[in-house]
């Protein structure tokens, strides 16, 4: 399981393409600037963290440490 609270998005790298939202709408949403941000209470039962991190063409998504 992957939780939105475990993820972060580098706003400088994010190009607002929406790939993460299209693939994982339960984990990401657009912020007020049109960039992606994790949904704090979002969860994806059948998701693997590696797949979620790889969906971004700019490598803007990472796991919080």
Protein backbone atom coordinates (compact mmCIF):
# COMPACT_ATOMS: atom_id res chain seq x y z
CA UNK A 1 0.00 0.00 0.00
CA UNK A 2 1.13 3.53 -0.78
CA UNK A 3 -0.10 6.54 1.20
CA UNK A 4 -0.15 10.13 -0.02
CA UNK A 5 1.36 11.19 3.29
CA UNK A 6 4.47 9.13 2.42
CA UNK A 7 5.11 11.11 -0.78
CA UNK A 8 6.44 14.52 -1.71
CA UNK A 9 6.61 16.48 -4.96
CA UNK A 10 9.49 18.78 -5.88
CA UNK A 11 7.62 21.85 -7.15
CA UNK A 12 10.69 23.07 -9.02
CA UNK A 13 10.79 19.86 -11.09
CA UNK A 14 7.02 19.45 -11.53
CA UNK A 15 5.83 20.58 -14.98
CA UNK A 16 2.13 20.06 -14.18
CA UNK A 17 1.73 17.39 -16.85
CA UNK A 18 -0.81 15.49 -14.72
CA UNK A 19 0.67 12.02 -15.33
CA UNK A 20 0.65 11.24 -11.61
CA UNK A 21 -2.93 12.42 -11.18
CA UNK A 22 -4.16 10.51 -14.23
CA UNK A 23 -2.51 7.32 -12.97
CA UNK A 24 -2.98 7.73 -9.21
CA UNK A 25 -5.88 10.10 -8.60
CA UNK A 26 -6.23 8.80 -5.06
CA UNK A 27 -2.67 9.91 -4.26
CA UNK A 28 -2.25 13.23 -6.11
CA UNK A 29 -4.14 16.43 -6.92
CA UNK A 30 -3.35 19.80 -8.46
CA UNK A 31 -2.49 22.61 -6.03
CA UNK A 32 -3.50 26.26 -6.43
CA UNK A 33 -0.53 26.83 -8.78
CA UNK A 34 -1.49 23.94 -11.05
CA UNK A 35 1.34 21.74 -9.81
CA UNK A 36 0.91 18.27 -8.38
CA UNK A 37 0.78 17.60 -4.66
CA UNK A 38 0.11 14.46 -2.62
CA UNK A 39 -3.33 13.92 -1.14
CA UNK A 40 -2.50 13.72 2.58
CA UNK A 41 -5.15 11.14 3.41
CA UNK A 42 -4.98 9.34 0.05
CA UNK A 43 -4.23 5.62 -0.09
CA UNK A 44 -3.71 3.14 -2.89
CA UNK A 45 -4.07 -0.47 -1.73
CA UNK A 46 -2.78 -2.11 -4.91
CA UNK A 47 0.05 0.32 -5.68
CA UNK A 48 3.78 -0.28 -5.44
CA UNK A 49 5.94 2.68 -4.38
CA UNK A 50 8.39 2.11 -7.25
CA UNK A 51 5.58 2.39 -9.82
CA UNK A 52 4.30 5.61 -8.29
CA UNK A 53 7.77 7.20 -8.24
CA UNK A 54 8.46 6.19 -11.86
CA UNK A 55 5.26 7.71 -13.30
CA UNK A 56 6.70 11.24 -13.24
CA UNK A 57 8.69 12.13 -16.39
CA UNK A 58 10.60 14.81 -14.41
CA UNK A 59 11.42 12.60 -11.41
CA UNK A 60 9.65 15.14 -9.19
CA UNK A 61 8.00 12.54 -6.95
CA UNK A 62 9.92 11.01 -4.09
CA UNK A 63 9.28 9.18 -0.85
CA UNK A 64 9.49 11.20 2.36
CA UNK A 65 12.38 10.16 4.53
